[in-house]
């Protein structure tokens, strides 16, 4: 389960994100201010903190520096501030990402999932093997029978999504979000089919399995 702590004083935003990040995939904890966030953190660490910069009882940047960074917690800043200096400041502090209000819920969800995928990748072996395909998660390199496979940047993103979730089914909606995050364009179900066909032509038809009614899966073996 993906555990998320949302620190946000805007009731509308909180209610909206509670509808999006629902069980069984997610567990969302909410706090209206830094004091409440501190109490929740004392009870256990989430995998990700969605942190508003402007809170009633303090500054989100300072809260991150004093309490979150030292524990290595992943943070995405949520804020109405869109000045370049604020964005740079947030990223330089070590935040995973920064998104300004008003934001697309779909975009935020895609960014959240990307953080969790990176975390899962860091906790696993660097090179994964599926059939005659080797995929280096850190280098983002694909090799077939020892030879490099040439993929477009978007094809590589999709394959990375599948390998980072190896041995688990990845929904078509997750693939759609991946494509949308990369392009910013409307993505249709047929678009996923086209990209999967292209990738299979390059790495082999038997590497990516279709999970009927759900999406796709890559099964890996120890390497």
N, C-alpha and C. Protein backbone atom coordinates (compact mmCIF):
# COMPACT_ATOMS: atom_id res chain seq x y z
N UNK A 1 0.83 -1.20 0.00
CA UNK A 1 0.00 0.00 0.00
C UNK A 1 0.87 1.26 0.00
N UNK A 2 0.47 2.24 -0.78
CA UNK A 2 1.21 3.50 -0.87
C UNK A 2 0.69 4.48 0.17
N UNK A 3 1.48 4.74 1.20
CA UNK A 3 1.06 5.62 2.30
C UNK A 3 1.48 7.05 2.01
N UNK A 4 0.52 7.96 2.05
CA UNK A 4 0.75 9.37 1.73
C UNK A 4 0.24 10.24 2.88
N UNK A 5 1.03 11.23 3.26
CA UNK A 5 0.57 12.24 4.22
C UNK A 5 0.34 13.54 3.46
N UNK A 6 -0.88 14.05 3.52
CA UNK A 6 -1.23 15.33 2.90
C UNK A 6 -1.30 16.39 3.98
N UNK A 7 -0.47 17.43 3.86
CA UNK A 7 -0.49 18.55 4.80
C UNK A 7 -1.02 19.76 4.03
N UNK A 8 -2.29 20.07 4.24
CA UNK A 8 -2.98 21.06 3.42
C UNK A 8 -4.15 21.65 4.21
N UNK A 9 -4.24 22.98 4.25
CA UNK A 9 -5.31 23.63 5.02
C UNK A 9 -6.54 23.96 4.18
N UNK A 10 -6.47 23.73 2.87
CA UNK A 10 -7.62 23.98 2.01
C UNK A 10 -8.53 22.77 2.02
N UNK A 11 -9.74 22.94 2.57
CA UNK A 11 -10.66 21.82 2.73
C UNK A 11 -11.06 21.22 1.38
N UNK A 12 -11.30 22.07 0.38
CA UNK A 12 -11.70 21.58 -0.93
C UNK A 12 -10.65 20.69 -1.56
N UNK A 13 -9.39 21.12 -1.48
CA UNK A 13 -8.30 20.32 -2.04
C UNK A 13 -8.19 19.00 -1.29
N UNK A 14 -8.28 19.06 0.03
CA UNK A 14 -8.17 17.84 0.84
C UNK A 14 -9.26 16.84 0.48
N UNK A 15 -10.48 17.31 0.38
CA UNK A 15 -11.60 16.42 0.03
C UNK A 15 -11.42 15.82 -1.36
N UNK A 16 -10.95 16.64 -2.29
CA UNK A 16 -10.74 16.15 -3.65
C UNK A 16 -9.68 15.06 -3.71
N UNK A 17 -8.58 15.26 -2.98
CA UNK A 17 -7.50 14.26 -3.00
C UNK A 17 -7.88 13.01 -2.22
N UNK A 18 -8.75 13.16 -1.22
CA UNK A 18 -9.24 11.97 -0.50
C UNK A 18 -10.05 11.08 -1.44
N UNK A 19 -10.74 11.69 -2.39
CA UNK A 19 -11.52 10.92 -3.37
C UNK A 19 -10.62 10.22 -4.38
N UNK A 20 -9.46 10.81 -4.65
CA UNK A 20 -8.56 10.26 -5.66
C UNK A 20 -7.66 9.17 -5.09
N UNK A 21 -7.06 9.46 -3.94
CA UNK A 21 -6.11 8.50 -3.35
C UNK A 21 -6.85 7.61 -2.35
N UNK A 22 -7.52 6.60 -2.89
CA UNK A 22 -8.35 5.72 -2.08
C UNK A 22 -7.75 4.32 -1.97
N UNK A 23 -8.21 3.59 -0.98
CA UNK A 23 -7.79 2.21 -0.81
C UNK A 23 -8.37 1.37 -1.93
N UNK A 24 -7.82 0.17 -2.27
CA UNK A 24 -6.75 -0.50 -1.53
C UNK A 24 -5.33 -0.09 -1.94
N UNK A 25 -5.20 0.69 -3.05
CA UNK A 25 -3.85 1.01 -3.52
C UNK A 25 -3.18 2.05 -2.64
N UNK A 26 -3.96 3.01 -2.12
CA UNK A 26 -3.38 4.12 -1.36
C UNK A 26 -3.97 4.18 0.06
N UNK A 27 -3.22 4.77 0.95
CA UNK A 27 -3.71 5.14 2.27
C UNK A 27 -3.31 6.58 2.50
N UNK A 28 -4.30 7.48 2.53
CA UNK A 28 -4.03 8.91 2.65
C UNK A 28 -4.35 9.39 4.06
N UNK A 29 -3.33 9.99 4.71
CA UNK A 29 -3.51 10.62 6.00
C UNK A 29 -3.52 12.14 5.76
N UNK A 30 -4.34 12.87 6.50
CA UNK A 30 -4.44 14.31 6.27
C UNK A 30 -4.18 15.11 7.53
N UNK A 31 -3.55 16.28 7.34
CA UNK A 31 -3.29 17.22 8.42
C UNK A 31 -3.55 18.62 7.90
N UNK A 32 -4.16 19.47 8.75
CA UNK A 32 -4.48 20.84 8.33
C UNK A 32 -3.34 21.81 8.59
N UNK A 33 -2.38 21.38 9.42
CA UNK A 33 -1.29 22.28 9.77
C UNK A 33 -0.05 21.48 10.20
N UNK A 34 1.01 22.18 10.51
CA UNK A 34 2.26 21.54 10.87
C UNK A 34 2.14 20.75 12.17
N UNK A 35 1.40 21.29 13.14
CA UNK A 35 1.23 20.61 14.42
C UNK A 35 0.59 19.23 14.23
N UNK A 36 -0.49 19.18 13.45
CA UNK A 36 -1.16 17.91 13.19
C UNK A 36 -0.25 16.97 12.41
N UNK A 37 0.51 17.51 11.46
CA UNK A 37 1.43 16.70 10.67
C UNK A 37 2.48 16.06 11.57
N UNK A 38 3.00 16.84 12.52
CA UNK A 38 4.01 16.32 13.43
C UNK A 38 3.49 15.15 14.24
N UNK A 39 2.24 15.22 14.70
CA UNK A 39 1.65 14.13 15.48
C UNK A 39 1.51 12.87 14.63
N UNK A 40 1.07 13.03 13.40
CA UNK A 40 0.92 11.87 12.52
C UNK A 40 2.27 11.24 12.19
N UNK A 41 3.29 12.07 11.99
CA UNK A 41 4.62 11.55 11.68
C UNK A 41 5.21 10.79 12.86
N UNK A 42 4.85 11.19 14.07
CA UNK A 42 5.36 10.49 15.26
C UNK A 42 4.79 9.08 15.37
N UNK A 43 3.71 8.82 14.64
CA UNK A 43 3.06 7.50 14.67
C UNK A 43 3.57 6.58 13.57
N UNK A 44 4.39 7.11 12.67
CA UNK A 44 4.92 6.29 11.59
C UNK A 44 5.22 7.14 10.37
N UNK A 45 6.13 6.66 9.53
CA UNK A 45 6.56 7.41 8.36
C UNK A 45 5.80 6.99 7.10
N UNK A 46 5.26 7.94 6.37
CA UNK A 46 4.62 7.63 5.09
C UNK A 46 5.68 7.47 4.00
N UNK A 47 5.25 6.95 2.85
CA UNK A 47 6.17 6.85 1.73
C UNK A 47 6.38 8.17 1.03
N UNK A 48 5.40 9.08 1.19
CA UNK A 48 5.44 10.37 0.50
C UNK A 48 4.64 11.39 1.28
N UNK A 49 5.13 12.65 1.30
CA UNK A 49 4.41 13.75 1.92
C UNK A 49 4.06 14.76 0.84
N UNK A 50 2.76 15.10 0.76
CA UNK A 50 2.31 16.19 -0.10
C UNK A 50 2.19 17.40 0.81
N UNK A 51 3.05 18.38 0.63
CA UNK A 51 3.21 19.45 1.61
C UNK A 51 2.92 20.83 1.02
N UNK A 52 1.89 21.49 1.57
CA UNK A 52 1.59 22.86 1.18
C UNK A 52 2.66 23.78 1.79
N UNK A 53 3.09 24.76 1.03
CA UNK A 53 4.13 25.67 1.52
C UNK A 53 3.54 26.68 2.52
N UNK A 54 2.37 27.25 2.21
CA UNK A 54 1.78 28.26 3.07
C UNK A 54 0.77 27.66 4.03
N UNK A 55 1.18 27.35 5.26
CA UNK A 55 0.31 26.73 6.26
C UNK A 55 -0.01 27.72 7.38
N UNK A 56 -1.12 27.52 8.09
CA UNK A 56 -1.53 28.49 9.11
C UNK A 56 -0.52 28.69 10.24
N UNK A 57 0.21 27.65 10.57
CA UNK A 57 1.13 27.74 11.71
C UNK A 57 2.61 27.65 11.34
N UNK A 58 2.91 27.91 10.08
CA UNK A 58 4.32 27.90 9.72
C UNK A 58 4.57 27.76 8.23
N UNK A 59 5.84 27.76 7.87
CA UNK A 59 6.28 27.69 6.48
C UNK A 59 6.65 26.26 6.11
N UNK A 60 6.08 25.78 5.01
CA UNK A 60 6.34 24.41 4.59
C UNK A 60 7.80 24.13 4.29
N UNK A 61 8.50 25.11 3.75
CA UNK A 61 9.92 24.93 3.45
C UNK A 61 10.70 24.67 4.75
N UNK A 62 10.42 25.46 5.78
CA UNK A 62 11.12 25.29 7.06
C UNK A 62 10.76 23.97 7.73
N UNK A 63 9.50 23.58 7.63
CA UNK A 63 9.07 22.31 8.19
C UNK A 63 9.81 21.16 7.52
N UNK A 64 9.98 21.28 6.21
CA UNK A 64 10.71 20.25 5.47
C UNK A 64 12.15 20.17 5.93
N UNK A 65 12.80 21.33 6.02
CA UNK A 65 14.22 21.37 6.41
C UNK A 65 14.45 20.81 7.81
N UNK A 66 13.57 21.17 8.75
CA UNK A 66 13.79 20.82 10.15
C UNK A 66 13.32 19.42 10.52
N UNK A 67 12.30 18.92 9.82
CA UNK A 67 11.69 17.67 10.28
C UNK A 67 11.64 16.55 9.23
N UNK A 68 11.47 16.90 7.96
CA UNK A 68 11.26 15.85 6.95
C UNK A 68 12.55 15.40 6.28
N UNK A 69 13.41 16.37 5.95
CA UNK A 69 14.63 16.04 5.23
C UNK A 69 15.55 15.11 6.03
N UNK A 70 15.64 15.35 7.34
CA UNK A 70 16.55 14.56 8.17
C UNK A 70 16.13 13.09 8.25
N UNK A 71 14.85 12.82 7.98
CA UNK A 71 14.36 11.44 8.02
C UNK A 71 14.29 10.83 6.62
N UNK A 72 14.75 11.60 5.63
CA UNK A 72 14.78 11.09 4.26
C UNK A 72 13.42 10.88 3.63
N UNK A 73 12.41 11.63 4.08
CA UNK A 73 11.07 11.46 3.54
C UNK A 73 10.92 12.16 2.19
N UNK A 74 10.29 11.48 1.25
CA UNK A 74 10.04 12.05 -0.06
C UNK A 74 8.92 13.08 0.05
N UNK A 75 9.10 14.23 -0.61
CA UNK A 75 8.13 15.32 -0.50
C UNK A 75 7.83 15.92 -1.87
N UNK A 76 6.55 16.17 -2.12
CA UNK A 76 6.12 16.99 -3.26
C UNK A 76 5.48 18.24 -2.67
N UNK A 77 6.02 19.41 -2.99
CA UNK A 77 5.46 20.66 -2.50
C UNK A 77 4.21 21.03 -3.30
N UNK A 78 3.16 21.43 -2.59
CA UNK A 78 1.95 21.95 -3.21
C UNK A 78 1.82 23.41 -2.79
N UNK A 79 1.72 24.32 -3.74
CA UNK A 79 1.66 25.72 -3.36
C UNK A 79 1.09 26.59 -4.47
N UNK A 80 0.53 27.72 -4.05
CA UNK A 80 0.03 28.69 -5.02
C UNK A 80 1.17 29.55 -5.55
N UNK A 81 2.33 29.48 -4.93
CA UNK A 81 3.47 30.27 -5.37
C UNK A 81 4.05 29.66 -6.65
N UNK A 82 4.12 30.46 -7.69
CA UNK A 82 4.66 29.95 -8.95
C UNK A 82 5.86 30.74 -9.43
N UNK A 83 6.45 31.51 -8.52
CA UNK A 83 7.65 32.24 -8.89
C UNK A 83 8.82 31.26 -9.06
N UNK A 84 9.68 31.54 -10.02
CA UNK A 84 10.79 30.64 -10.31
C UNK A 84 11.66 30.40 -9.09
N UNK A 85 11.90 31.44 -8.29
CA UNK A 85 12.75 31.29 -7.11
C UNK A 85 12.18 30.31 -6.10
N UNK A 86 10.84 30.30 -5.96
CA UNK A 86 10.21 29.37 -5.03
C UNK A 86 10.36 27.93 -5.53
N UNK A 87 10.17 27.74 -6.83
CA UNK A 87 10.31 26.41 -7.41
C UNK A 87 11.73 25.90 -7.22
N UNK A 88 12.70 26.75 -7.55
CA UNK A 88 14.10 26.36 -7.40
C UNK A 88 14.43 26.06 -5.94
N UNK A 89 13.93 26.89 -5.03
CA UNK A 89 14.19 26.69 -3.61
C UNK A 89 13.69 25.33 -3.16
N UNK A 90 12.47 24.99 -3.55
CA UNK A 90 11.90 23.71 -3.15
C UNK A 90 12.70 22.54 -3.65
N UNK A 91 13.12 22.60 -4.89
CA UNK A 91 13.89 21.50 -5.48
C UNK A 91 15.30 21.43 -4.91
N UNK A 92 15.91 22.58 -4.66
CA UNK A 92 17.25 22.60 -4.10
C UNK A 92 17.28 22.05 -2.68
N UNK A 93 16.18 22.18 -1.96
CA UNK A 93 16.10 21.62 -0.61
C UNK A 93 16.11 20.10 -0.64
N UNK A 94 15.78 19.53 -1.80
CA UNK A 94 15.80 18.08 -1.94
C UNK A 94 14.45 17.45 -2.16
N UNK A 95 13.44 18.28 -2.45
CA UNK A 95 12.10 17.74 -2.68
C UNK A 95 12.07 16.91 -3.96
N UNK A 96 11.17 15.93 -3.99
CA UNK A 96 11.02 15.10 -5.18
C UNK A 96 10.44 15.90 -6.34
N UNK A 97 9.48 16.79 -6.00
CA UNK A 97 8.79 17.52 -7.07
C UNK A 97 8.11 18.75 -6.47
N UNK A 98 7.52 19.54 -7.35
CA UNK A 98 6.90 20.81 -6.96
C UNK A 98 5.76 21.06 -7.94
N UNK A 99 4.55 21.27 -7.42
CA UNK A 99 3.43 21.51 -8.31
C UNK A 99 2.63 22.70 -7.81
N UNK A 100 2.24 23.60 -8.70
CA UNK A 100 1.56 24.83 -8.30
C UNK A 100 0.05 24.71 -8.45
N UNK A 101 -0.65 25.40 -7.57
CA UNK A 101 -2.11 25.45 -7.61
C UNK A 101 -2.56 26.56 -8.56
N UNK A 102 -3.68 26.37 -9.25
CA UNK A 102 -4.47 25.13 -9.29
C UNK A 102 -3.77 24.08 -10.14
N UNK A 103 -3.89 22.82 -9.76
CA UNK A 103 -3.21 21.77 -10.50
C UNK A 103 -4.20 20.71 -10.97
N UNK A 104 -3.78 19.97 -11.97
CA UNK A 104 -4.56 18.85 -12.46
C UNK A 104 -4.39 17.67 -11.51
N UNK A 105 -5.49 17.14 -11.01
CA UNK A 105 -5.42 15.99 -10.11
C UNK A 105 -4.77 14.80 -10.81
N UNK A 106 -5.06 14.68 -12.09
CA UNK A 106 -4.48 13.58 -12.86
C UNK A 106 -2.96 13.71 -12.95
N UNK A 107 -2.50 14.96 -13.14
CA UNK A 107 -1.06 15.19 -13.20
C UNK A 107 -0.42 14.89 -11.85
N UNK A 108 -1.04 15.33 -10.76
CA UNK A 108 -0.49 15.07 -9.44
C UNK A 108 -0.42 13.57 -9.17
N UNK A 109 -1.47 12.85 -9.53
CA UNK A 109 -1.47 11.40 -9.31
C UNK A 109 -0.35 10.72 -10.09
N UNK A 110 -0.12 11.18 -11.32
CA UNK A 110 0.95 10.62 -12.12
C UNK A 110 2.31 10.88 -11.47
N UNK A 111 2.49 12.08 -10.92
CA UNK A 111 3.76 12.42 -10.27
C UNK A 111 3.94 11.62 -8.98
N UNK A 112 2.86 11.44 -8.24
CA UNK A 112 2.92 10.64 -7.02
C UNK A 112 3.33 9.20 -7.35
N UNK A 113 2.70 8.63 -8.35
CA UNK A 113 3.03 7.25 -8.73
C UNK A 113 4.47 7.14 -9.21
N UNK A 114 4.96 8.18 -9.85
CA UNK A 114 6.35 8.17 -10.32
C UNK A 114 7.32 8.12 -9.13
N UNK A 115 7.01 8.83 -8.06
CA UNK A 115 7.85 8.80 -6.86
C UNK A 115 7.88 7.39 -6.27
N UNK A 116 6.71 6.78 -6.16
CA UNK A 116 6.66 5.44 -5.59
C UNK A 116 7.37 4.42 -6.48
N UNK A 117 7.30 4.61 -7.79
CA UNK A 117 8.01 3.70 -8.69
C UNK A 117 9.52 3.84 -8.53
N UNK A 118 10.00 5.07 -8.36
CA UNK A 118 11.43 5.28 -8.14
C UNK A 118 11.87 4.63 -6.84
N UNK A 119 11.03 4.73 -5.82
CA UNK A 119 11.36 4.12 -4.54
C UNK A 119 11.44 2.60 -4.66
N UNK A 120 10.52 2.02 -5.38
CA UNK A 120 10.54 0.58 -5.57
C UNK A 120 11.76 0.15 -6.37
N UNK A 121 12.13 0.98 -7.34
CA UNK A 121 13.32 0.67 -8.14
C UNK A 121 14.58 0.69 -7.31
N UNK A 122 14.68 1.63 -6.36
CA UNK A 122 15.86 1.74 -5.51
C UNK A 122 15.98 0.57 -4.55
N UNK A 123 14.84 -0.04 -4.23
CA UNK A 123 14.85 -1.13 -3.27
C UNK A 123 15.01 -2.49 -3.92
N UNK A 124 15.22 -2.52 -5.22
CA UNK A 124 15.37 -3.79 -5.92
C UNK A 124 16.72 -3.82 -6.62
N UNK A 125 16.98 -4.94 -7.29
CA UNK A 125 18.23 -5.05 -8.03
C UNK A 125 18.23 -4.05 -9.16
N UNK A 126 19.42 -3.68 -9.61
CA UNK A 126 19.53 -2.67 -10.65
C UNK A 126 19.14 -3.21 -12.02
N UNK A 127 19.55 -4.45 -12.32
CA UNK A 127 19.29 -5.04 -13.63
C UNK A 127 18.26 -6.16 -13.50
N UNK A 128 17.19 -6.03 -14.27
CA UNK A 128 16.14 -7.03 -14.25
C UNK A 128 16.16 -7.81 -15.56
N UNK A 129 15.84 -9.10 -15.46
CA UNK A 129 15.87 -9.96 -16.65
C UNK A 129 14.48 -10.54 -16.90
N UNK A 130 14.01 -10.40 -18.14
CA UNK A 130 12.75 -10.99 -18.56
C UNK A 130 12.98 -11.65 -19.92
N UNK A 131 12.88 -12.96 -19.94
CA UNK A 131 13.21 -13.72 -21.16
C UNK A 131 14.65 -13.38 -21.58
N UNK A 132 14.83 -12.89 -22.81
CA UNK A 132 16.17 -12.53 -23.29
C UNK A 132 16.43 -11.03 -23.21
N UNK A 133 15.61 -10.33 -22.39
CA UNK A 133 15.73 -8.88 -22.23
C UNK A 133 16.33 -8.55 -20.86
N UNK A 134 17.35 -7.71 -20.85
CA UNK A 134 17.90 -7.17 -19.61
C UNK A 134 17.57 -5.68 -19.56
N UNK A 135 17.04 -5.25 -18.40
CA UNK A 135 16.72 -3.83 -18.25
C UNK A 135 17.42 -3.28 -17.02
N UNK A 136 18.26 -2.25 -17.24
CA UNK A 136 18.96 -1.59 -16.15
C UNK A 136 18.12 -0.41 -15.68
N UNK A 137 17.54 -0.54 -14.48
CA UNK A 137 16.64 0.49 -13.96
C UNK A 137 17.35 1.81 -13.75
N UNK A 138 18.59 1.76 -13.26
CA UNK A 138 19.33 2.99 -12.98
C UNK A 138 19.76 3.69 -14.26
N UNK A 139 20.29 2.93 -15.21
CA UNK A 139 20.81 3.51 -16.45
C UNK A 139 19.72 3.70 -17.50
N UNK A 140 18.56 3.08 -17.30
CA UNK A 140 17.47 3.11 -18.28
C UNK A 140 17.94 2.56 -19.62
N UNK A 141 18.60 1.42 -19.55
CA UNK A 141 19.13 0.78 -20.76
C UNK A 141 18.44 -0.57 -20.97
N UNK A 142 18.09 -0.84 -22.24
CA UNK A 142 17.45 -2.10 -22.60
C UNK A 142 18.37 -2.87 -23.53
N UNK A 143 18.59 -4.15 -23.20
CA UNK A 143 19.41 -5.00 -24.07
C UNK A 143 18.68 -6.29 -24.37
N UNK A 144 18.76 -6.68 -25.63
CA UNK A 144 18.16 -7.93 -26.10
C UNK A 144 19.27 -8.84 -26.58
N UNK A 145 19.43 -9.98 -25.93
CA UNK A 145 20.54 -10.89 -26.23
C UNK A 145 21.87 -10.17 -26.18
N UNK A 146 22.00 -9.24 -25.24
CA UNK A 146 23.25 -8.51 -25.04
C UNK A 146 23.43 -7.30 -25.93
N UNK A 147 22.52 -7.07 -26.86
CA UNK A 147 22.63 -5.94 -27.77
C UNK A 147 21.64 -4.84 -27.37
N UNK A 148 22.09 -3.59 -27.44
CA UNK A 148 21.23 -2.47 -27.05
C UNK A 148 20.01 -2.37 -27.96
N UNK A 149 18.87 -2.08 -27.37
CA UNK A 149 17.62 -1.90 -28.11
C UNK A 149 17.31 -0.41 -28.19
N UNK A 150 17.04 0.06 -29.39
CA UNK A 150 16.74 1.49 -29.59
C UNK A 150 15.24 1.73 -29.41
N UNK A 151 14.92 2.54 -28.40
CA UNK A 151 13.53 2.89 -28.13
C UNK A 151 13.37 4.40 -28.12
N UNK A 152 12.19 4.87 -28.50
CA UNK A 152 11.91 6.30 -28.37
C UNK A 152 11.80 6.63 -26.88
N UNK A 153 11.87 7.91 -26.54
CA UNK A 153 11.81 8.30 -25.13
C UNK A 153 10.49 7.88 -24.50
N UNK A 154 9.41 7.94 -25.24
CA UNK A 154 8.11 7.56 -24.70
C UNK A 154 7.99 6.04 -24.56
N UNK A 155 8.52 5.31 -25.53
CA UNK A 155 8.53 3.85 -25.43
C UNK A 155 9.33 3.41 -24.21
N UNK A 156 10.44 4.10 -23.96
CA UNK A 156 11.27 3.77 -22.80
C UNK A 156 10.54 4.08 -21.50
N UNK A 157 9.80 5.17 -21.46
CA UNK A 157 9.02 5.52 -20.26
C UNK A 157 8.01 4.41 -19.93
N UNK A 158 7.33 3.94 -20.96
CA UNK A 158 6.32 2.90 -20.76
C UNK A 158 6.98 1.61 -20.29
N UNK A 159 8.09 1.25 -20.91
CA UNK A 159 8.79 0.03 -20.52
C UNK A 159 9.33 0.15 -19.10
N UNK A 160 9.80 1.34 -18.76
CA UNK A 160 10.30 1.58 -17.40
C UNK A 160 9.17 1.40 -16.39
N UNK A 161 7.98 1.89 -16.71
CA UNK A 161 6.82 1.72 -15.85
C UNK A 161 6.55 0.24 -15.59
N UNK A 162 6.61 -0.56 -16.64
CA UNK A 162 6.33 -1.99 -16.50
C UNK A 162 7.42 -2.71 -15.72
N UNK A 163 8.68 -2.38 -15.98
CA UNK A 163 9.77 -3.04 -15.27
C UNK A 163 9.82 -2.61 -13.80
N UNK A 164 9.52 -1.35 -13.51
CA UNK A 164 9.53 -0.89 -12.12
C UNK A 164 8.42 -1.56 -11.31
N UNK A 165 7.41 -2.07 -12.01
CA UNK A 165 6.33 -2.81 -11.36
C UNK A 165 6.36 -4.28 -11.78
N UNK A 166 7.57 -4.80 -12.00
CA UNK A 166 7.71 -6.17 -12.50
C UNK A 166 7.01 -7.18 -11.59
N UNK A 167 6.46 -8.20 -12.25
CA UNK A 167 5.70 -9.27 -11.58
C UNK A 167 4.37 -8.77 -11.00
N UNK A 168 3.96 -7.58 -11.39
CA UNK A 168 2.66 -7.05 -10.98
C UNK A 168 1.94 -6.50 -12.21
N UNK A 169 0.62 -6.63 -12.21
CA UNK A 169 -0.15 -6.10 -13.33
C UNK A 169 -0.20 -4.58 -13.26
N UNK A 170 0.05 -3.94 -14.40
CA UNK A 170 -0.03 -2.48 -14.52
C UNK A 170 -1.26 -2.15 -15.36
N UNK A 171 -2.15 -1.35 -14.82
CA UNK A 171 -3.39 -1.05 -15.52
C UNK A 171 -3.15 -0.20 -16.76
N UNK A 172 -4.09 -0.30 -17.70
CA UNK A 172 -4.00 0.54 -18.90
C UNK A 172 -4.10 2.02 -18.51
N UNK A 173 -4.86 2.31 -17.45
CA UNK A 173 -4.97 3.70 -17.00
C UNK A 173 -3.62 4.23 -16.54
N UNK A 174 -2.81 3.38 -15.90
CA UNK A 174 -1.48 3.79 -15.45
C UNK A 174 -0.59 4.09 -16.65
N UNK A 175 -0.73 3.29 -17.71
CA UNK A 175 0.04 3.53 -18.93
C UNK A 175 -0.42 4.82 -19.59
N UNK A 176 -1.74 5.05 -19.59
CA UNK A 176 -2.28 6.29 -20.15
C UNK A 176 -1.73 7.49 -19.39
N UNK A 177 -1.69 7.40 -18.05
CA UNK A 177 -1.14 8.49 -17.23
C UNK A 177 0.33 8.73 -17.57
N UNK A 178 1.05 7.65 -17.80
CA UNK A 178 2.48 7.75 -18.14
C UNK A 178 2.67 8.52 -19.45
N UNK A 179 1.85 8.18 -20.44
CA UNK A 179 1.94 8.85 -21.74
C UNK A 179 1.51 10.31 -21.62
N UNK A 180 0.43 10.53 -20.87
CA UNK A 180 -0.07 11.90 -20.70
C UNK A 180 0.95 12.77 -19.98
N UNK A 181 1.59 12.21 -18.95
CA UNK A 181 2.59 12.98 -18.21
C UNK A 181 3.74 13.40 -19.11
N UNK A 182 4.11 12.53 -20.05
CA UNK A 182 5.24 12.81 -20.93
C UNK A 182 4.88 13.79 -22.04
N UNK A 183 3.65 13.72 -22.53
CA UNK A 183 3.29 14.51 -23.71
C UNK A 183 2.38 15.70 -23.40
N UNK A 184 1.55 15.57 -22.37
CA UNK A 184 0.58 16.62 -22.07
C UNK A 184 -0.61 16.61 -23.00
N UNK A 185 -0.67 15.62 -23.89
CA UNK A 185 -1.77 15.52 -24.85
C UNK A 185 -2.83 14.54 -24.37
N UNK A 186 -4.04 14.67 -24.93
CA UNK A 186 -5.09 13.70 -24.63
C UNK A 186 -4.64 12.33 -25.12
N UNK A 187 -4.88 11.31 -24.30
CA UNK A 187 -4.45 9.96 -24.63
C UNK A 187 -5.67 9.06 -24.71
N UNK A 188 -5.76 8.30 -25.78
CA UNK A 188 -6.89 7.41 -25.98
C UNK A 188 -6.45 5.96 -25.81
N UNK A 189 -7.43 5.11 -25.58
CA UNK A 189 -7.13 3.70 -25.34
C UNK A 189 -6.35 3.09 -26.52
N UNK A 190 -6.70 3.50 -27.72
CA UNK A 190 -6.02 2.98 -28.90
C UNK A 190 -4.54 3.37 -28.91
N UNK A 191 -4.23 4.53 -28.33
CA UNK A 191 -2.84 4.99 -28.27
C UNK A 191 -1.98 3.99 -27.50
N UNK A 192 -2.51 3.47 -26.41
CA UNK A 192 -1.78 2.47 -25.61
C UNK A 192 -1.51 1.23 -26.45
N UNK A 193 -2.52 0.78 -27.18
CA UNK A 193 -2.37 -0.41 -28.02
C UNK A 193 -1.27 -0.22 -29.05
N UNK A 194 -1.23 0.96 -29.65
CA UNK A 194 -0.22 1.25 -30.68
C UNK A 194 1.18 1.21 -30.07
N UNK A 195 1.38 1.85 -28.92
CA UNK A 195 2.70 1.87 -28.30
C UNK A 195 3.13 0.49 -27.83
N UNK A 196 2.21 -0.29 -27.30
CA UNK A 196 2.56 -1.64 -26.87
C UNK A 196 2.98 -2.49 -28.07
N UNK A 197 2.32 -2.31 -29.18
CA UNK A 197 2.69 -3.06 -30.39
C UNK A 197 4.10 -2.70 -30.84
N UNK A 198 4.43 -1.40 -30.80
CA UNK A 198 5.76 -0.96 -31.21
C UNK A 198 6.84 -1.53 -30.30
N UNK A 199 6.57 -1.47 -28.98
CA UNK A 199 7.57 -1.98 -28.03
C UNK A 199 7.76 -3.47 -28.20
N UNK A 200 6.67 -4.21 -28.37
CA UNK A 200 6.76 -5.66 -28.55
C UNK A 200 7.53 -6.02 -29.82
N UNK A 201 7.38 -5.22 -30.85
CA UNK A 201 8.12 -5.48 -32.09
C UNK A 201 9.62 -5.37 -31.87
N UNK A 202 10.01 -4.52 -30.92
CA UNK A 202 11.44 -4.28 -30.68
C UNK A 202 12.04 -5.24 -29.66
N UNK A 203 11.26 -5.66 -28.66
CA UNK A 203 11.85 -6.51 -27.61
C UNK A 203 11.35 -7.95 -27.66
N UNK A 204 10.31 -8.21 -28.46
CA UNK A 204 9.77 -9.56 -28.54
C UNK A 204 8.34 -9.61 -28.02
N UNK A 205 7.53 -10.44 -28.67
CA UNK A 205 6.11 -10.50 -28.33
C UNK A 205 5.83 -11.16 -26.99
N UNK A 206 6.77 -11.95 -26.49
CA UNK A 206 6.49 -12.75 -25.29
C UNK A 206 6.99 -12.12 -23.99
N UNK A 207 7.57 -10.92 -24.05
CA UNK A 207 8.10 -10.29 -22.84
C UNK A 207 7.01 -9.58 -22.04
N UNK A 208 6.17 -8.83 -22.73
CA UNK A 208 5.07 -8.12 -22.08
C UNK A 208 3.81 -8.95 -22.21
N UNK A 209 3.26 -9.37 -21.10
CA UNK A 209 2.04 -10.18 -21.09
C UNK A 209 0.82 -9.27 -20.96
N UNK A 210 -0.24 -9.62 -21.65
CA UNK A 210 -1.51 -8.91 -21.51
C UNK A 210 -2.32 -9.56 -20.41
N UNK A 211 -2.74 -8.75 -19.44
CA UNK A 211 -3.59 -9.24 -18.36
C UNK A 211 -5.01 -8.81 -18.70
N UNK A 212 -5.83 -9.76 -19.09
CA UNK A 212 -7.16 -9.47 -19.61
C UNK A 212 -7.99 -8.66 -18.63
N UNK A 213 -8.56 -7.56 -19.13
CA UNK A 213 -9.42 -6.72 -18.33
C UNK A 213 -8.69 -5.79 -17.39
N UNK A 214 -7.35 -5.86 -17.35
CA UNK A 214 -6.59 -5.01 -16.43
C UNK A 214 -5.54 -4.19 -17.18
N UNK A 215 -4.57 -4.87 -17.78
CA UNK A 215 -3.49 -4.14 -18.45
C UNK A 215 -2.36 -5.05 -18.88
N UNK A 216 -1.17 -4.81 -18.34
CA UNK A 216 0.01 -5.52 -18.79
C UNK A 216 0.91 -5.90 -17.61
N UNK A 217 1.78 -6.90 -17.86
CA UNK A 217 2.70 -7.35 -16.81
C UNK A 217 3.97 -7.88 -17.45
N UNK A 218 5.11 -7.58 -16.80
CA UNK A 218 6.38 -8.18 -17.18
C UNK A 218 6.84 -9.06 -16.02
N UNK A 219 7.07 -10.32 -16.29
CA UNK A 219 7.57 -11.25 -15.28
C UNK A 219 9.08 -11.33 -15.39
N UNK A 220 9.76 -11.12 -14.29
CA UNK A 220 11.22 -11.15 -14.29
C UNK A 220 11.74 -12.31 -13.46
N UNK A 221 13.01 -12.60 -13.67
CA UNK A 221 13.68 -13.66 -12.92
C UNK A 221 14.91 -13.08 -12.27
N UNK A 222 15.47 -13.76 -11.27
CA UNK A 222 16.68 -13.28 -10.62
C UNK A 222 17.80 -13.16 -11.64
N UNK A 223 18.59 -12.08 -11.51
CA UNK A 223 19.69 -11.86 -12.46
C UNK A 223 20.96 -11.58 -11.70
